[in-house]
Amino acid sequence: MNPGNSVWRCFWQTDDANRFSPTVRSMLQLKHRLVDFMRCDIGNGENASFWYDSWTDLGPLISFLGERGPRQLRVRLQDKVIHATSHGEWHLPAARSDQAHALQVTLTTISPPSSVRGIDQYLWRSASGTYVQDFSSKATWNAIRVPAPTVSWYKTVWFKEAIPRFSSHVPLSLRAVDALISSRTAFPSSRQKSVFKLLLQVVVYAIWRERNSRIFTDSSSPVSVVRASVDRMLRDRLLSFPPSTASSPSLLELYFQHLGSIS
């Protein structure tokens, strides 16, 4: 999505509401954090939004000057930064508020847009705190999350073969399960451990889904159907992992050898 287009403007103007999907709602609930991470480096000023992009140290000007800002500065909500210039210089009316005066002072430190500087560049805050053109989901997550000590059972929940959407449903009281999985006598092979951990996740997810079905739709499935669903999800996931060597069994073969079909 181009940050300078009308969809981006609607994003800033839209408030969270129940009518939106969970994905859209999560984006809207986090948009106040975007101000801390995204900056626009002005080039020709033809793409950067005057009101909604953070192209000065004051943040989005619509937040800084408020709803009366467009009338005070005679700059429309849909205007780009270039529209606040004339003949290569900043061109705004005399300040009528402290905020407008602060903006004009700030503009004395920013060069007006120019075609020789190329297009506007959108930058993202890196792990070091500087703004760069590359986006890192890892650096962003580490910046916004609340850090906590590593728990002993994390490998039981997060591992390469896991199904991401299932991981959050595994219960947090996993000490006994973790001890069993870590036991060399129970699972001498790390690949066998992976199969068992995936089985744990799929079973918990299937039970959680069946619970929701019974609560919210007043419908239930027989045990045989739940077992078949678990078996199908396991097979589909394990099928995507080839054998580690030509002579070793695949994860799907290990599932059949040690657990058998549970459907």
C-alpha atoms as a PDB file:
ATOM      1  CA  MET A   1       0.000   0.000   0.000  1.00  0.00           C
ATOM      2  CA  ASN A   2       1.287   3.419  -0.946  1.00  0.00           C
ATOM      3  CA  PRO A   3       1.360   5.537   2.249  1.00  0.00           C
ATOM      4  CA  GLY A   4       0.445   8.628   0.279  1.00  0.00           C
ATOM      5  CA  ASN A   5      -2.787   7.388  -1.286  1.00  0.00           C
ATOM      6  CA  SER A   6      -6.427   7.696  -0.216  1.00  0.00           C
ATOM      7  CA  VAL A   7      -6.493   4.259   1.444  1.00  0.00           C
ATOM      8  CA  TRP A   8      -3.714   5.388   3.778  1.00  0.00           C
ATOM      9  CA  ARG A   9      -5.660   8.569   4.590  1.00  0.00           C
ATOM     10  CA  CYS A  10      -8.761   6.506   5.388  1.00  0.00           C
ATOM     11  CA  PHE A  11      -6.662   4.330   7.675  1.00  0.00           C
ATOM     12  CA  TRP A  12      -5.774   7.343   9.820  1.00  0.00           C
ATOM     13  CA  GLN A  13      -9.343   8.648   9.816  1.00  0.00           C
ATOM     14  CA  THR A  14     -10.986   5.313  10.714  1.00  0.00           C
ATOM     15  CA  ASP A  15     -11.657   4.345  14.324  1.00  0.00           C
ATOM     16  CA  ASP A  16     -11.836   0.795  15.644  1.00  0.00           C
ATOM     17  CA  ALA A  17     -15.307  -0.766  15.385  1.00  0.00           C
ATOM     18  CA  ASN A  18     -16.924  -4.183  15.771  1.00  0.00           C
ATOM     19  CA  ARG A  19     -17.910  -4.264  12.095  1.00  0.00           C
ATOM     20  CA  PHE A  20     -14.302  -4.792  10.999  1.00  0.00           C
ATOM     21  CA  SER A  21     -12.493  -8.117  10.771  1.00  0.00           C
ATOM     22  CA  PRO A  22     -10.078  -9.092  13.577  1.00  0.00           C
ATOM     23  CA  THR A  23      -7.108  -8.351  11.302  1.00  0.00           C
ATOM     24  CA  VAL A  24      -8.312  -4.841  10.454  1.00  0.00           C
ATOM     25  CA  ARG A  25      -9.197  -4.159  14.086  1.00  0.00           C
ATOM     26  CA  SER A  26      -5.745  -5.198  15.268  1.00  0.00           C
ATOM     27  CA  MET A  27      -4.192  -2.810  12.722  1.00  0.00           C
ATOM     28  CA  LEU A  28      -6.419   0.057  13.837  1.00  0.00           C
ATOM     29  CA  GLN A  29      -5.673  -0.608  17.505  1.00  0.00           C
ATOM     30  CA  LEU A  30      -1.935  -0.389  16.826  1.00  0.00           C
ATOM     31  CA  LYS A  31      -1.921   2.684  14.595  1.00  0.00           C
ATOM     32  CA  HIS A  32      -0.939   4.965  17.476  1.00  0.00           C
ATOM     33  CA  ARG A  33       2.328   2.988  17.612  1.00  0.00           C
ATOM     34  CA  LEU A  34       3.003   3.603  13.931  1.00  0.00           C
ATOM     35  CA  VAL A  35       3.939   7.202  14.657  1.00  0.00           C
ATOM     36  CA  ASP A  36       6.944   5.955  16.625  1.00  0.00           C
ATOM     37  CA  PHE A  37       8.195   3.693  13.851  1.00  0.00           C
ATOM     38  CA  MET A  38       7.487   5.335  10.498  1.00  0.00           C
ATOM     39  CA  ARG A  39       8.998   8.496   9.065  1.00  0.00           C
ATOM     40  CA  CYS A  40       8.898  10.140   5.668  1.00  0.00           C
ATOM     41  CA  ASP A  41      12.003  11.741   4.188  1.00  0.00           C
ATOM     42  CA  ILE A  42      10.762  14.462   1.866  1.00  0.00           C
ATOM     43  CA  GLY A  43      12.022  14.440  -1.708  1.00  0.00           C
ATOM     44  CA  ASN A  44       9.762  16.043  -4.313  1.00  0.00           C
ATOM     45  CA  GLY A  45       6.848  16.199  -1.847  1.00  0.00           C
ATOM     46  CA  GLU A  46       4.410  14.726  -4.347  1.00  0.00           C
ATOM     47  CA  ASN A  47       3.626  11.532  -2.446  1.00  0.00           C
ATOM     48  CA  ALA A  48       3.892  12.408   1.258  1.00  0.00           C
ATOM     49  CA  SER A  49       0.637  13.425   2.905  1.00  0.00           C
ATOM     50  CA  PHE A  50       0.895  16.867   4.484  1.00  0.00           C
ATOM     51  CA  TRP A  51      -1.469  15.933   7.311  1.00  0.00           C
ATOM     52  CA  TYR A  52      -1.096  12.215   7.942  1.00  0.00           C
ATOM     53  CA  ASP A  53       2.560  11.313   7.377  1.00  0.00           C
ATOM     54  CA  SER A  54       5.296  11.937   9.948  1.00  0.00           C
ATOM     55  CA  TRP A  55       7.553  14.132   7.844  1.00  0.00           C
ATOM     56  CA  THR A  56       8.482  16.556  10.653  1.00  0.00           C
ATOM     57  CA  ASP A  57       9.519  15.995  14.269  1.00  0.00           C
ATOM     58  CA  LEU A  58       5.990  17.067  15.249  1.00  0.00           C
ATOM     59  CA  GLY A  59       4.469  13.778  14.032  1.00  0.00           C
ATOM     60  CA  PRO A  60       1.291  13.702  11.904  1.00  0.00           C
ATOM     61  CA  LEU A  61       0.215  17.331  11.649  1.00  0.00           C
ATOM     62  CA  ILE A  62      -3.475  16.444  11.829  1.00  0.00           C
ATOM     63  CA  SER A  63      -2.811  15.262  15.397  1.00  0.00           C
ATOM     64  CA  PHE A  64      -0.591  18.213  16.244  1.00  0.00           C
ATOM     65  CA  LEU A  65      -2.865  20.996  14.938  1.00  0.00           C
ATOM     66  CA  GLY A  66      -6.199  19.222  15.326  1.00  0.00           C
ATOM     67  CA  GLU A  67      -9.305  19.338  13.162  1.00  0.00           C
ATOM     68  CA  ARG A  68      -9.033  23.110  12.689  1.00  0.00           C
ATOM     69  CA  GLY A  69      -5.568  22.767  11.196  1.00  0.00           C
ATOM     70  CA  PRO A  70      -6.629  22.482   7.533  1.00  0.00           C
ATOM     71  CA  ARG A  71      -8.709  25.671   7.826  1.00  0.00           C
ATOM     72  CA  GLN A  72      -5.949  27.570   9.644  1.00  0.00           C
ATOM     73  CA  LEU A  73      -3.233  26.615   7.166  1.00  0.00           C
ATOM     74  CA  ARG A  74      -5.502  26.543   4.095  1.00  0.00           C
ATOM     75  CA  VAL A  75      -4.171  23.101   3.223  1.00  0.00           C
ATOM     76  CA  ARG A  76      -6.761  20.437   2.400  1.00  0.00           C
ATOM     77  CA  LEU A  77      -6.771  17.043   4.103  1.00  0.00           C
ATOM     78  CA  GLN A  78      -5.924  15.281   0.844  1.00  0.00           C
ATOM     79  CA  ASP A  79      -3.034  17.598  -0.036  1.00  0.00           C
ATOM     80  CA  LYS A  80       0.570  16.511  -0.333  1.00  0.00           C
ATOM     81  CA  VAL A  81       3.557  18.292   1.168  1.00  0.00           C
ATOM     82  CA  ILE A  82       4.282  19.962  -2.196  1.00  0.00           C
ATOM     83  CA  HIS A  83       0.962  21.836  -1.917  1.00  0.00           C
ATOM     84  CA  ALA A  84       2.321  23.798   1.059  1.00  0.00           C
ATOM     85  CA  THR A  85       4.991  25.417  -1.141  1.00  0.00           C
ATOM     86  CA  SER A  86       5.114  28.059  -3.849  1.00  0.00           C
ATOM     87  CA  HIS A  87       8.003  28.717  -6.225  1.00  0.00           C
ATOM     88  CA  GLY A  88      10.281  26.409  -4.272  1.00  0.00           C
ATOM     89  CA  GLU A  89       9.581  27.933  -0.832  1.00  0.00           C
ATOM     90  CA  TRP A  90       7.266  27.099   2.030  1.00  0.00           C
ATOM     91  CA  HIS A  91       4.022  29.013   1.618  1.00  0.00           C
ATOM     92  CA  LEU A  92       1.647  29.060   4.593  1.00  0.00           C
ATOM     93  CA  PRO A  93      -0.518  31.843   6.055  1.00  0.00           C
ATOM     94  CA  ALA A  94       0.495  33.725   9.195  1.00  0.00           C
ATOM     95  CA  ALA A  95       0.297  31.584  12.340  1.00  0.00           C
ATOM     96  CA  ARG A  96      -2.954  31.891  14.297  1.00  0.00           C
ATOM     97  CA  SER A  97      -2.130  29.462  17.117  1.00  0.00           C
ATOM     98  CA  ASP A  98       0.851  28.305  19.120  1.00  0.00           C
ATOM     99  CA  GLN A  99       0.839  25.012  17.216  1.00  0.00           C
ATOM    100  CA  ALA A 100       0.888  26.763  13.845  1.00  0.00           C
ATOM    101  CA  HIS A 101       3.734  28.947  15.034  1.00  0.00           C
ATOM    102  CA  ALA A 102       5.678  25.863  16.188  1.00  0.00           C
ATOM    103  CA  LEU A 103       5.164  24.315  12.755  1.00  0.00           C
ATOM    104  CA  GLN A 104       6.490  27.381  10.979  1.00  0.00           C
ATOM    105  CA  VAL A 105       9.555  27.377  13.226  1.00  0.00           C
ATOM    106  CA  THR A 106      10.079  23.690  12.427  1.00  0.00           C
ATOM    107  CA  LEU A 107       9.778  24.335   8.690  1.00  0.00           C
ATOM    108  CA  THR A 108      12.759  26.707   8.859  1.00  0.00           C
ATOM    109  CA  THR A 109      14.883  23.600   9.533  1.00  0.00           C
ATOM    110  CA  ILE A 110      13.435  21.558   6.645  1.00  0.00           C
ATOM    111  CA  SER A 111      14.288  22.163   3.006  1.00  0.00           C
ATOM    112  CA  PRO A 112      11.210  22.605   0.784  1.00  0.00           C
ATOM    113  CA  PRO A 113      10.423  19.766  -1.634  1.00  0.00           C
ATOM    114  CA  SER A 114      12.429  19.710  -4.850  1.00  0.00           C
ATOM    115  CA  SER A 115      12.290  17.490  -7.921  1.00  0.00           C
ATOM    116  CA  VAL A 116      16.080  17.123  -7.880  1.00  0.00           C
ATOM    117  CA  ARG A 117      15.834  15.208  -4.575  1.00  0.00           C
ATOM    118  CA  GLY A 118      13.840  12.371  -6.108  1.00  0.00           C
ATOM    119  CA  ILE A 119      10.697  10.793  -4.697  1.00  0.00           C
ATOM    120  CA  ASP A 120       9.646  10.844  -1.052  1.00  0.00           C
ATOM    121  CA  GLN A 121      11.176   7.979   0.947  1.00  0.00           C
ATOM    122  CA  TYR A 122       9.312   6.133   3.710  1.00  0.00           C
ATOM    123  CA  LEU A 123      11.609   4.882   6.465  1.00  0.00           C
ATOM    124  CA  TRP A 124      11.148   2.383   9.302  1.00  0.00           C
ATOM    125  CA  ARG A 125      12.826   2.457  12.690  1.00  0.00           C
ATOM    126  CA  SER A 126      15.551  -0.167  13.038  1.00  0.00           C
ATOM    127  CA  ALA A 127      16.744  -1.992  16.151  1.00  0.00           C
ATOM    128  CA  SER A 128      19.376   0.712  16.722  1.00  0.00           C
ATOM    129  CA  GLY A 129      16.748   3.458  16.682  1.00  0.00           C
ATOM    130  CA  THR A 130      17.769   4.906  13.318  1.00  0.00           C
ATOM    131  CA  TYR A 131      15.348   5.085  10.378  1.00  0.00           C
ATOM    132  CA  VAL A 132      16.128   2.927   7.355  1.00  0.00           C
ATOM    133  CA  GLN A 133      14.376   1.805   4.173  1.00  0.00           C
ATOM    134  CA  ASP A 134      14.341  -1.885   5.165  1.00  0.00           C
ATOM    135  CA  PHE A 135      11.598  -3.310   7.374  1.00  0.00           C
ATOM    136  CA  SER A 136      12.424  -5.971   9.970  1.00  0.00           C
ATOM    137  CA  SER A 137       9.508  -7.772  11.643  1.00  0.00           C
ATOM    138  CA  LYS A 138      11.902  -9.191  14.253  1.00  0.00           C
ATOM    139  CA  ALA A 139      13.291  -5.777  15.226  1.00  0.00           C
ATOM    140  CA  THR A 140       9.776  -4.300  15.338  1.00  0.00           C
ATOM    141  CA  TRP A 141       8.432  -7.116  17.488  1.00  0.00           C
ATOM    142  CA  ASN A 142      11.349  -6.807  19.918  1.00  0.00           C
ATOM    143  CA  ALA A 143      10.670  -3.074  20.154  1.00  0.00           C
ATOM    144  CA  ILE A 144       6.955  -3.315  20.984  1.00  0.00           C
ATOM    145  CA  ARG A 145       6.751  -6.499  23.057  1.00  0.00           C
ATOM    146  CA  VAL A 146       7.090  -6.738  26.807  1.00  0.00           C
ATOM    147  CA  PRO A 147      10.176  -8.938  27.380  1.00  0.00           C
ATOM    148  CA  ALA A 148      10.007 -11.820  29.831  1.00  0.00           C
ATOM    149  CA  PRO A 149      12.405 -14.565  30.938  1.00  0.00           C
ATOM    150  CA  THR A 150      12.625 -17.613  28.697  1.00  0.00           C
ATOM    151  CA  VAL A 151      10.511 -20.474  30.076  1.00  0.00           C
ATOM    152  CA  SER A 152      11.766 -24.041  30.229  1.00  0.00           C
ATOM    153  CA  TRP A 153       8.970 -25.426  28.041  1.00  0.00           C
ATOM    154  CA  TYR A 154       9.217 -23.034  25.086  1.00  0.00           C
ATOM    155  CA  LYS A 155      10.499 -25.736  22.731  1.00  0.00           C
ATOM    156  CA  THR A 156       7.339 -27.726  23.401  1.00  0.00           C
ATOM    157  CA  VAL A 157       5.233 -24.895  21.979  1.00  0.00           C
ATOM    158  CA  TRP A 158       7.472 -23.283  19.354  1.00  0.00           C
ATOM    159  CA  PHE A 159       9.435 -25.565  17.048  1.00  0.00           C
ATOM    160  CA  LYS A 160      10.106 -25.844  13.327  1.00  0.00           C
ATOM    161  CA  GLU A 161       7.408 -28.396  12.578  1.00  0.00           C
ATOM    162  CA  ALA A 162       4.698 -26.595  14.567  1.00  0.00           C
ATOM    163  CA  ILE A 163       1.562 -25.127  13.009  1.00  0.00           C
ATOM    164  CA  PRO A 164       1.749 -21.426  14.052  1.00  0.00           C
ATOM    165  CA  ARG A 165      -1.969 -20.860  14.661  1.00  0.00           C
ATOM    166  CA  PHE A 166      -2.070 -23.936  16.927  1.00  0.00           C
ATOM    167  CA  SER A 167       0.808 -22.847  19.174  1.00  0.00           C
ATOM    168  CA  SER A 168      -1.192 -20.276  21.136  1.00  0.00           C
ATOM    169  CA  HIS A 169      -3.731 -22.911  22.225  1.00  0.00           C
ATOM    170  CA  VAL A 170      -1.274 -25.157  24.053  1.00  0.00           C
ATOM    171  CA  PRO A 171      -1.845 -24.756  27.835  1.00  0.00           C
ATOM    172  CA  LEU A 172       0.778 -22.943  29.830  1.00  0.00           C
ATOM    173  CA  SER A 173       1.023 -25.628  32.537  1.00  0.00           C
ATOM    174  CA  LEU A 174       3.366 -27.816  30.506  1.00  0.00           C
ATOM    175  CA  ARG A 175       6.018 -28.893  33.002  1.00  0.00           C
ATOM    176  CA  ALA A 176       4.944 -32.545  33.091  1.00  0.00           C
ATOM    177  CA  VAL A 177       4.551 -32.722  29.307  1.00  0.00           C
ATOM    178  CA  ASP A 178       7.884 -30.970  28.792  1.00  0.00           C
ATOM    179  CA  ALA A 179       9.607 -33.418  31.141  1.00  0.00           C
ATOM    180  CA  LEU A 180       8.143 -36.351  29.215  1.00  0.00           C
ATOM    181  CA  ILE A 181       9.171 -34.957  25.836  1.00  0.00           C
ATOM    182  CA  SER A 182      12.671 -34.155  27.100  1.00  0.00           C
ATOM    183  CA  SER A 183      13.147 -37.706  28.352  1.00  0.00           C
ATOM    184  CA  ARG A 184      15.551 -39.673  26.171  1.00  0.00           C
ATOM    185  CA  THR A 185      13.909 -42.949  27.177  1.00  0.00           C
ATOM    186  CA  ALA A 186      10.493 -41.792  25.979  1.00  0.00           C
ATOM    187  CA  PHE A 187      11.749 -40.251  22.733  1.00  0.00           C
ATOM    188  CA  PRO A 188      15.332 -41.182  21.841  1.00  0.00           C
ATOM    189  CA  SER A 189      15.142 -39.268  18.564  1.00  0.00           C
ATOM    190  CA  SER A 190      14.636 -35.514  18.198  1.00  0.00           C
ATOM    191  CA  ARG A 191      12.458 -36.225  15.161  1.00  0.00           C
ATOM    192  CA  GLN A 192      10.210 -38.447  17.282  1.00  0.00           C
ATOM    193  CA  LYS A 193       9.917 -35.594  19.775  1.00  0.00           C
ATOM    194  CA  SER A 194       8.821 -33.301  16.950  1.00  0.00           C
ATOM    195  CA  VAL A 195       6.045 -35.687  15.948  1.00  0.00           C
ATOM    196  CA  PHE A 196       4.804 -35.947  19.536  1.00  0.00           C
ATOM    197  CA  LYS A 197       4.917 -32.162  20.085  1.00  0.00           C
ATOM    198  CA  LEU A 198       2.941 -31.618  16.901  1.00  0.00           C
ATOM    199  CA  LEU A 199       0.433 -34.248  18.024  1.00  0.00           C
ATOM    200  CA  LEU A 200       0.029 -32.379  21.319  1.00  0.00           C
ATOM    201  CA  GLN A 201      -0.655 -29.104  19.520  1.00  0.00           C
ATOM    202  CA  VAL A 202      -3.136 -30.608  17.072  1.00  0.00           C
ATOM    203  CA  VAL A 203      -5.057 -32.453  19.813  1.00  0.00           C
ATOM    204  CA  VAL A 204      -5.317 -29.323  21.982  1.00  0.00           C
ATOM    205  CA  TYR A 205      -6.446 -27.269  18.973  1.00  0.00           C
ATOM    206  CA  ALA A 206      -9.053 -29.866  17.989  1.00  0.00           C
ATOM    207  CA  ILE A 207     -10.440 -29.946  21.541  1.00  0.00           C
ATOM    208  CA  TRP A 208     -10.523 -26.126  21.667  1.00  0.00           C
ATOM    209  CA  ARG A 209     -12.351 -25.971  18.323  1.00  0.00           C
ATOM    210  CA  GLU A 210     -14.851 -28.625  19.435  1.00  0.00           C
ATOM    211  CA  ARG A 211     -15.435 -26.697  22.672  1.00  0.00           C
ATOM    212  CA  ASN A 212     -16.205 -23.504  20.734  1.00  0.00           C
ATOM    213  CA  SER A 213     -18.550 -25.376  18.428  1.00  0.00           C
ATOM    214  CA  ARG A 214     -20.516 -26.717  21.361  1.00  0.00           C
ATOM    215  CA  ILE A 215     -20.694 -23.350  23.133  1.00  0.00           C
ATOM    216  CA  PHE A 216     -21.416 -21.019  20.207  1.00  0.00           C
ATOM    217  CA  THR A 217     -23.284 -23.209  17.683  1.00  0.00           C
ATOM    218  CA  ASP A 218     -24.814 -25.787  20.028  1.00  0.00           C
ATOM    219  CA  SER A 219     -23.455 -28.588  17.835  1.00  0.00           C
ATOM    220  CA  SER A 220     -21.037 -31.383  18.641  1.00  0.00           C
ATOM    221  CA  SER A 221     -19.014 -33.991  16.789  1.00  0.00           C
ATOM    222  CA  PRO A 222     -18.604 -37.631  17.761  1.00  0.00           C
ATOM    223  CA  VAL A 223     -15.212 -38.749  19.057  1.00  0.00           C
ATOM    224  CA  SER A 224     -14.496 -40.585  15.807  1.00  0.00           C
ATOM    225  CA  VAL A 225     -14.880 -37.366  13.806  1.00  0.00           C
ATOM    226  CA  VAL A 226     -12.549 -35.441  16.128  1.00  0.00           C
ATOM    227  CA  ARG A 227      -9.967 -38.252  15.928  1.00  0.00           C
ATOM    228  CA  ALA A 228     -10.201 -38.282  12.125  1.00  0.00           C
ATOM    229  CA  SER A 229      -9.731 -34.502  12.053  1.00  0.00           C
ATOM    230  CA  VAL A 230      -6.609 -34.762  14.233  1.00  0.00           C
ATOM    231  CA  ASP A 231      -5.230 -37.521  12.013  1.00  0.00           C
ATOM    232  CA  ARG A 232      -5.876 -35.505   8.853  1.00  0.00           C
ATOM    233  CA  MET A 233      -4.213 -32.351  10.200  1.00  0.00           C
ATOM    234  CA  LEU A 234      -1.196 -34.346  11.376  1.00  0.00           C
ATOM    235  CA  ARG A 235      -0.780 -36.089   8.044  1.00  0.00           C
ATOM    236  CA  ASP A 236      -1.086 -32.859   6.070  1.00  0.00           C
ATOM    237  CA  ARG A 237       1.542 -31.139   8.195  1.00  0.00           C
ATOM    238  CA  LEU A 238       4.006 -34.040   8.389  1.00  0.00           C
ATOM    239  CA  LEU A 239       3.744 -34.635   4.648  1.00  0.00           C
ATOM    240  CA  SER A 240       5.419 -31.268   4.043  1.00  0.00           C
ATOM    241  CA  PHE A 241       8.673 -32.387   5.703  1.00  0.00           C
ATOM    242  CA  PRO A 242      10.887 -34.695   3.596  1.00  0.00           C
ATOM    243  CA  PRO A 243      13.302 -37.222   5.154  1.00  0.00           C
ATOM    244  CA  SER A 244      16.493 -35.701   6.531  1.00  0.00           C
ATOM    245  CA  THR A 245      18.541 -38.236   4.527  1.00  0.00           C
ATOM    246  CA  ALA A 246      17.763 -40.683   1.755  1.00  0.00           C
ATOM    247  CA  SER A 247      17.943 -43.653   4.150  1.00  0.00           C
ATOM    248  CA  SER A 248      16.028 -42.140   7.084  1.00  0.00           C
ATOM    249  CA  PRO A 249      12.239 -42.283   7.451  1.00  0.00           C
ATOM    250  CA  SER A 250      10.156 -39.162   6.972  1.00  0.00           C
ATOM    251  CA  LEU A 251       8.206 -37.616   9.845  1.00  0.00           C
ATOM    252  CA  LEU A 252       5.028 -39.058   8.386  1.00  0.00           C
ATOM    253  CA  GLU A 253       6.564 -42.544   8.415  1.00  0.00           C
ATOM    254  CA  LEU A 254       7.625 -42.061  12.043  1.00  0.00           C
ATOM    255  CA  TYR A 255       4.055 -41.124  12.872  1.00  0.00           C
ATOM    256  CA  PHE A 256       2.777 -44.376  11.344  1.00  0.00           C
ATOM    257  CA  GLN A 257       5.538 -46.457  12.948  1.00  0.00           C
ATOM    258  CA  HIS A 258       5.236 -45.194  16.531  1.00  0.00           C
ATOM    259  CA  LEU A 259       1.717 -43.835  16.840  1.00  0.00           C
ATOM    260  CA  GLY A 260      -0.145 -45.388  13.968  1.00  0.00           C
ATOM    261  CA  SER A 261      -3.230 -43.839  12.429  1.00  0.00           C
ATOM    262  CA  ILE A 262      -5.381 -42.447  15.238  1.00  0.00           C
ATOM    263  CA  SER A 263      -8.499 -42.040  13.147  1.00  0.00           C
END
